[in-house]
Amino acid sequence: MARSKKTRKGGENGPKFAPRVKKTDRKVVDGKKSETGRKSGSRHNEALLKQASGSGTAIAKDARHGSKKPVALSLPASITEPLVVKPKQPKITDEQKLLKLEEDPRLNQLLDQLEEGRDLSDADQKWLDIQLDKIEQLMQRLGLTEDDEVPAPSPKKKLTDDELLNRFESGADLLKDYQKQD
């Protein structure tokens, strides 16, 4: 079998190209496109713009020029003054916080009203509760409270393996669980 070279033509199924046209028959459209818009540099050439408009009458200023107002390059005096930094106060200790809370006149007034048996408004009651909680927390931190601790319940006695097995086989726990579900 003889070797045949591939051709560049697509054959019957290939793409159809426009027929060749001689240079002399071509239109000038293929050349440079006509310019659209303003010419380059037109905003910089004000003299040319005045000439193009005819007379030197009032021409609308090109908005792209921006502001002609001079900009001050030095900082204003108010900014150049050094900022006054407040010295940091030492943190208040828990004892000082507690004394401050206990000496609060509003707290004392509300407590006096409660002792007299008067009712407080909701806002006053909430504020009083919050303050009393803070005082209680601070007293616990400082160890000033006498905790009336309820004795801890004694741990259940440990059952032996035989007792646990008997209890399991009797099904007593299953009966309790079933009764709790109802």
C-alpha atoms as a PDB file:
ATOM      1  CA  MET A   1       0.000   0.000   0.000  1.00  0.00           C
ATOM      2  CA  ALA A   2       1.434   3.326  -1.016  1.00  0.00           C
ATOM      3  CA  ARG A   3       1.766   6.118   1.484  1.00  0.00           C
ATOM      4  CA  SER A   4      -0.539   9.083   0.884  1.00  0.00           C
ATOM      5  CA  LYS A   5       0.103  12.473   2.447  1.00  0.00           C
ATOM      6  CA  LYS A   6      -2.597  14.226   4.364  1.00  0.00           C
ATOM      7  CA  THR A   7      -4.010  17.271   2.687  1.00  0.00           C
ATOM      8  CA  ARG A   8      -4.882  20.547   4.342  1.00  0.00           C
ATOM      9  CA  LYS A   9      -8.246  20.675   2.674  1.00  0.00           C
ATOM     10  CA  GLY A  10     -11.099  19.373   4.712  1.00  0.00           C
ATOM     11  CA  GLY A  11     -12.834  17.710   1.861  1.00  0.00           C
ATOM     12  CA  GLU A  12     -16.580  17.663   1.498  1.00  0.00           C
ATOM     13  CA  ASN A  13     -17.242  17.870   5.245  1.00  0.00           C
ATOM     14  CA  GLY A  14     -14.589  20.505   6.035  1.00  0.00           C
ATOM     15  CA  PRO A  15     -15.282  24.146   6.875  1.00  0.00           C
ATOM     16  CA  LYS A  16     -16.094  26.410   3.982  1.00  0.00           C
ATOM     17  CA  PHE A  17     -13.854  29.477   3.706  1.00  0.00           C
ATOM     18  CA  ALA A  18     -14.606  32.700   1.902  1.00  0.00           C
ATOM     19  CA  PRO A  19     -13.157  32.722  -1.583  1.00  0.00           C
ATOM     20  CA  ARG A  20      -9.870  34.565  -2.091  1.00  0.00           C
ATOM     21  CA  VAL A  21     -10.125  38.147  -3.182  1.00  0.00           C
ATOM     22  CA  LYS A  22      -7.326  40.077  -4.832  1.00  0.00           C
ATOM     23  CA  LYS A  23      -5.828  43.022  -2.947  1.00  0.00           C
ATOM     24  CA  THR A  24      -7.006  45.468  -5.519  1.00  0.00           C
ATOM     25  CA  ASP A  25     -10.598  44.283  -5.141  1.00  0.00           C
ATOM     26  CA  ARG A  26     -10.608  44.470  -1.330  1.00  0.00           C
ATOM     27  CA  LYS A  27     -12.431  47.283   0.423  1.00  0.00           C
ATOM     28  CA  VAL A  28     -10.640  49.831   2.572  1.00  0.00           C
ATOM     29  CA  VAL A  29     -12.798  48.812   5.594  1.00  0.00           C
ATOM     30  CA  ASP A  30     -10.170  46.300   6.621  1.00  0.00           C
ATOM     31  CA  GLY A  31      -7.827  49.193   7.380  1.00  0.00           C
ATOM     32  CA  LYS A  32      -7.691  51.432  10.403  1.00  0.00           C
ATOM     33  CA  LYS A  33     -10.974  51.965  12.215  1.00  0.00           C
ATOM     34  CA  SER A  34     -12.379  55.431  12.459  1.00  0.00           C
ATOM     35  CA  GLU A  35     -11.662  57.100  15.788  1.00  0.00           C
ATOM     36  CA  THR A  36     -14.426  57.505  18.357  1.00  0.00           C
ATOM     37  CA  GLY A  37     -14.537  59.650  21.471  1.00  0.00           C
ATOM     38  CA  ARG A  38     -12.209  62.456  22.433  1.00  0.00           C
ATOM     39  CA  LYS A  39      -8.699  62.687  21.139  1.00  0.00           C
ATOM     40  CA  SER A  40      -5.971  61.677  23.531  1.00  0.00           C
ATOM     41  CA  GLY A  41      -4.617  64.501  25.647  1.00  0.00           C
ATOM     42  CA  SER A  42      -7.632  66.697  25.052  1.00  0.00           C
ATOM     43  CA  ARG A  43      -8.148  67.439  28.729  1.00  0.00           C
ATOM     44  CA  HIS A  44      -4.607  68.757  29.049  1.00  0.00           C
ATOM     45  CA  ASN A  45      -4.777  71.093  26.055  1.00  0.00           C
ATOM     46  CA  GLU A  46      -7.124  73.836  27.190  1.00  0.00           C
ATOM     47  CA  ALA A  47      -5.807  76.196  24.525  1.00  0.00           C
ATOM     48  CA  LEU A  48      -6.837  73.766  21.792  1.00  0.00           C
ATOM     49  CA  LEU A  49     -10.244  73.330  23.386  1.00  0.00           C
ATOM     50  CA  LYS A  50     -10.813  77.103  23.347  1.00  0.00           C
ATOM     51  CA  GLN A  51      -9.816  77.324  19.695  1.00  0.00           C
ATOM     52  CA  ALA A  52     -12.042  74.412  18.751  1.00  0.00           C
ATOM     53  CA  SER A  53     -15.078  76.003  20.353  1.00  0.00           C
ATOM     54  CA  GLY A  54     -14.641  79.172  18.290  1.00  0.00           C
ATOM     55  CA  SER A  55     -14.596  82.172  20.545  1.00  0.00           C
ATOM     56  CA  GLY A  56     -13.099  82.408  24.048  1.00  0.00           C
ATOM     57  CA  THR A  57     -16.530  82.484  25.728  1.00  0.00           C
ATOM     58  CA  ALA A  58     -17.387  80.571  28.849  1.00  0.00           C
ATOM     59  CA  ILE A  59     -16.410  76.964  28.273  1.00  0.00           C
ATOM     60  CA  ALA A  60     -17.668  74.262  30.590  1.00  0.00           C
ATOM     61  CA  LYS A  61     -14.695  73.236  32.685  1.00  0.00           C
ATOM     62  CA  ASP A  62     -13.644  69.662  32.361  1.00  0.00           C
ATOM     63  CA  ALA A  63     -14.773  67.951  35.561  1.00  0.00           C
ATOM     64  CA  ARG A  64     -11.796  65.579  35.411  1.00  0.00           C
ATOM     65  CA  HIS A  65      -9.351  68.313  36.395  1.00  0.00           C
ATOM     66  CA  GLY A  66     -10.204  68.075  40.074  1.00  0.00           C
ATOM     67  CA  SER A  67      -9.923  70.753  42.717  1.00  0.00           C
ATOM     68  CA  LYS A  68      -7.462  73.606  42.347  1.00  0.00           C
ATOM     69  CA  LYS A  69      -7.639  74.396  46.071  1.00  0.00           C
ATOM     70  CA  PRO A  70      -4.171  74.192  47.637  1.00  0.00           C
ATOM     71  CA  VAL A  71      -3.649  71.452  50.191  1.00  0.00           C
ATOM     72  CA  ALA A  72      -1.805  72.236  53.413  1.00  0.00           C
ATOM     73  CA  LEU A  73       1.059  69.811  53.910  1.00  0.00           C
ATOM     74  CA  SER A  74       1.615  70.550  57.613  1.00  0.00           C
ATOM     75  CA  LEU A  75      -0.341  68.986  60.437  1.00  0.00           C
ATOM     76  CA  PRO A  76      -2.822  71.133  62.348  1.00  0.00           C
ATOM     77  CA  ALA A  77      -1.714  72.247  65.817  1.00  0.00           C
ATOM     78  CA  SER A  78      -4.448  70.231  67.544  1.00  0.00           C
ATOM     79  CA  ILE A  79      -3.038  66.960  66.256  1.00  0.00           C
ATOM     80  CA  THR A  80       0.607  67.805  66.913  1.00  0.00           C
ATOM     81  CA  GLU A  81      -0.056  68.308  70.640  1.00  0.00           C
ATOM     82  CA  PRO A  82       0.842  65.192  72.604  1.00  0.00           C
ATOM     83  CA  LEU A  83      -2.078  63.168  73.772  1.00  0.00           C
ATOM     84  CA  VAL A  84      -2.649  63.160  77.510  1.00  0.00           C
ATOM     85  CA  VAL A  85      -2.605  59.595  78.724  1.00  0.00           C
ATOM     86  CA  LYS A  86      -4.437  58.947  81.944  1.00  0.00           C
ATOM     87  CA  PRO A  87      -2.278  57.100  84.420  1.00  0.00           C
ATOM     88  CA  LYS A  88      -3.561  53.632  85.065  1.00  0.00           C
ATOM     89  CA  GLN A  89      -4.993  53.212  88.504  1.00  0.00           C
ATOM     90  CA  PRO A  90      -3.888  50.168  90.408  1.00  0.00           C
ATOM     91  CA  LYS A  91      -6.390  47.359  90.413  1.00  0.00           C
ATOM     92  CA  ILE A  92      -8.753  47.284  93.319  1.00  0.00           C
ATOM     93  CA  THR A  93      -8.323  44.361  95.660  1.00  0.00           C
ATOM     94  CA  ASP A  94     -11.224  42.152  96.672  1.00  0.00           C
ATOM     95  CA  GLU A  95     -11.327  43.748 100.131  1.00  0.00           C
ATOM     96  CA  GLN A  96     -11.638  47.211  98.590  1.00  0.00           C
ATOM     97  CA  LYS A  97     -14.356  46.027  96.223  1.00  0.00           C
ATOM     98  CA  LEU A  98     -16.281  44.530  99.120  1.00  0.00           C
ATOM     99  CA  LEU A  99     -16.039  47.732 101.188  1.00  0.00           C
ATOM    100  CA  LYS A 100     -17.111  49.821  98.217  1.00  0.00           C
ATOM    101  CA  LEU A 101     -20.171  47.623  97.635  1.00  0.00           C
ATOM    102  CA  GLU A 102     -21.163  47.595 101.292  1.00  0.00           C
ATOM    103  CA  GLU A 103     -20.902  51.392 101.581  1.00  0.00           C
ATOM    104  CA  ASP A 104     -23.169  52.011  98.589  1.00  0.00           C
ATOM    105  CA  PRO A 105     -25.967  54.386  99.739  1.00  0.00           C
ATOM    106  CA  ARG A 106     -28.535  52.943  97.298  1.00  0.00           C
ATOM    107  CA  LEU A 107     -27.874  49.435  98.586  1.00  0.00           C
ATOM    108  CA  ASN A 108     -28.271  50.574 102.196  1.00  0.00           C
ATOM    109  CA  GLN A 109     -31.491  52.442 101.368  1.00  0.00           C
ATOM    110  CA  LEU A 110     -33.031  49.413  99.638  1.00  0.00           C
ATOM    111  CA  LEU A 111     -32.028  47.089 102.472  1.00  0.00           C
ATOM    112  CA  ASP A 112     -33.637  49.483 104.972  1.00  0.00           C
ATOM    113  CA  GLN A 113     -36.838  49.469 102.929  1.00  0.00           C
ATOM    114  CA  LEU A 114     -36.872  45.672 102.913  1.00  0.00           C
ATOM    115  CA  GLU A 115     -36.389  45.553 106.703  1.00  0.00           C
ATOM    116  CA  GLU A 116     -39.343  47.910 107.115  1.00  0.00           C
ATOM    117  CA  GLY A 117     -41.477  45.538 105.066  1.00  0.00           C
ATOM    118  CA  ARG A 118     -41.969  47.734 101.996  1.00  0.00           C
ATOM    119  CA  ASP A 119     -42.196  46.221  98.533  1.00  0.00           C
ATOM    120  CA  LEU A 120     -39.534  47.138  95.975  1.00  0.00           C
ATOM    121  CA  SER A 121     -40.044  47.744  92.283  1.00  0.00           C
ATOM    122  CA  ASP A 122     -38.856  45.059  89.859  1.00  0.00           C
ATOM    123  CA  ALA A 123     -35.856  47.118  88.713  1.00  0.00           C
ATOM    124  CA  ASP A 124     -34.786  47.831  92.298  1.00  0.00           C
ATOM    125  CA  GLN A 125     -35.223  44.178  93.275  1.00  0.00           C
ATOM    126  CA  LYS A 126     -33.082  42.993  90.336  1.00  0.00           C
ATOM    127  CA  TRP A 127     -30.362  45.515  91.157  1.00  0.00           C
ATOM    128  CA  LEU A 128     -30.418  44.524  94.826  1.00  0.00           C
ATOM    129  CA  ASP A 129     -30.152  40.818  93.950  1.00  0.00           C
ATOM    130  CA  ILE A 130     -27.182  41.475  91.660  1.00  0.00           C
ATOM    131  CA  GLN A 131     -25.368  43.520  94.317  1.00  0.00           C
ATOM    132  CA  LEU A 132     -25.997  40.929  97.016  1.00  0.00           C
ATOM    133  CA  ASP A 133     -24.696  38.182  94.714  1.00  0.00           C
ATOM    134  CA  LYS A 134     -21.514  40.187  94.103  1.00  0.00           C
ATOM    135  CA  ILE A 135     -21.031  40.715  97.830  1.00  0.00           C
ATOM    136  CA  GLU A 136     -21.559  37.007  98.484  1.00  0.00           C
ATOM    137  CA  GLN A 137     -19.018  36.018  95.818  1.00  0.00           C
ATOM    138  CA  LEU A 138     -16.427  38.417  97.194  1.00  0.00           C
ATOM    139  CA  MET A 139     -16.971  37.130 100.733  1.00  0.00           C
ATOM    140  CA  GLN A 140     -16.521  33.546  99.538  1.00  0.00           C
ATOM    141  CA  ARG A 141     -13.291  34.485  97.758  1.00  0.00           C
ATOM    142  CA  LEU A 142     -11.986  36.133 100.889  1.00  0.00           C
ATOM    143  CA  GLY A 143     -13.156  33.264 103.103  1.00  0.00           C
ATOM    144  CA  LEU A 144     -15.294  35.517 105.297  1.00  0.00           C
ATOM    145  CA  THR A 145     -18.462  33.449 105.069  1.00  0.00           C
ATOM    146  CA  GLU A 146     -19.293  30.754 107.517  1.00  0.00           C
ATOM    147  CA  ASP A 147     -20.615  28.119 105.237  1.00  0.00           C
ATOM    148  CA  ASP A 148     -23.391  26.158 106.845  1.00  0.00           C
ATOM    149  CA  GLU A 149     -22.447  23.140 104.882  1.00  0.00           C
ATOM    150  CA  VAL A 150     -24.824  20.268 104.906  1.00  0.00           C
ATOM    151  CA  PRO A 151     -22.863  17.170 105.805  1.00  0.00           C
ATOM    152  CA  ALA A 152     -22.112  15.272 102.661  1.00  0.00           C
ATOM    153  CA  PRO A 153     -24.204  12.174 102.287  1.00  0.00           C
ATOM    154  CA  SER A 154     -22.223   9.128 103.226  1.00  0.00           C
ATOM    155  CA  PRO A 155     -21.368   6.992 100.255  1.00  0.00           C
ATOM    156  CA  LYS A 156     -23.470   3.908  99.835  1.00  0.00           C
ATOM    157  CA  LYS A 157     -21.981   0.831 101.344  1.00  0.00           C
ATOM    158  CA  LYS A 158     -20.387  -1.351  98.771  1.00  0.00           C
ATOM    159  CA  LEU A 159     -22.189  -4.544  98.020  1.00  0.00           C
ATOM    160  CA  THR A 160     -20.345  -7.770  97.603  1.00  0.00           C
ATOM    161  CA  ASP A 161     -20.375  -9.602  94.324  1.00  0.00           C
ATOM    162  CA  ASP A 162     -22.876 -12.167  95.617  1.00  0.00           C
ATOM    163  CA  GLU A 163     -25.288  -9.482  96.795  1.00  0.00           C
ATOM    164  CA  LEU A 164     -25.043  -7.681  93.435  1.00  0.00           C
ATOM    165  CA  LEU A 165     -25.719 -10.926  91.590  1.00  0.00           C
ATOM    166  CA  ASN A 166     -28.773 -11.702  93.730  1.00  0.00           C
ATOM    167  CA  ARG A 167     -30.109  -8.192  93.195  1.00  0.00           C
ATOM    168  CA  PHE A 168     -29.622  -8.516  89.441  1.00  0.00           C
ATOM    169  CA  GLU A 169     -31.332 -11.861  89.267  1.00  0.00           C
ATOM    170  CA  SER A 170     -34.273 -10.690  91.326  1.00  0.00           C
ATOM    171  CA  GLY A 171     -34.991  -7.913  88.798  1.00  0.00           C
ATOM    172  CA  ALA A 172     -35.703  -5.316  91.499  1.00  0.00           C
ATOM    173  CA  ASP A 173     -34.069  -2.564  89.458  1.00  0.00           C
ATOM    174  CA  LEU A 174     -36.182  -3.383  86.415  1.00  0.00           C
ATOM    175  CA  LEU A 175     -39.352  -2.999  88.426  1.00  0.00           C
ATOM    176  CA  LYS A 176     -38.217   0.411  89.762  1.00  0.00           C
ATOM    177  CA  ASP A 177     -37.324   1.604  86.260  1.00  0.00           C
ATOM    178  CA  TYR A 178     -40.699   0.474  84.937  1.00  0.00           C
ATOM    179  CA  GLN A 179     -42.517   2.277  87.718  1.00  0.00           C
ATOM    180  CA  LYS A 180     -40.552   5.507  87.089  1.00  0.00           C
ATOM    181  CA  GLN A 181     -41.573   5.491  83.412  1.00  0.00           C
ATOM    182  CA  ASP A 182     -45.263   5.756  84.286  1.00  0.00           C
END
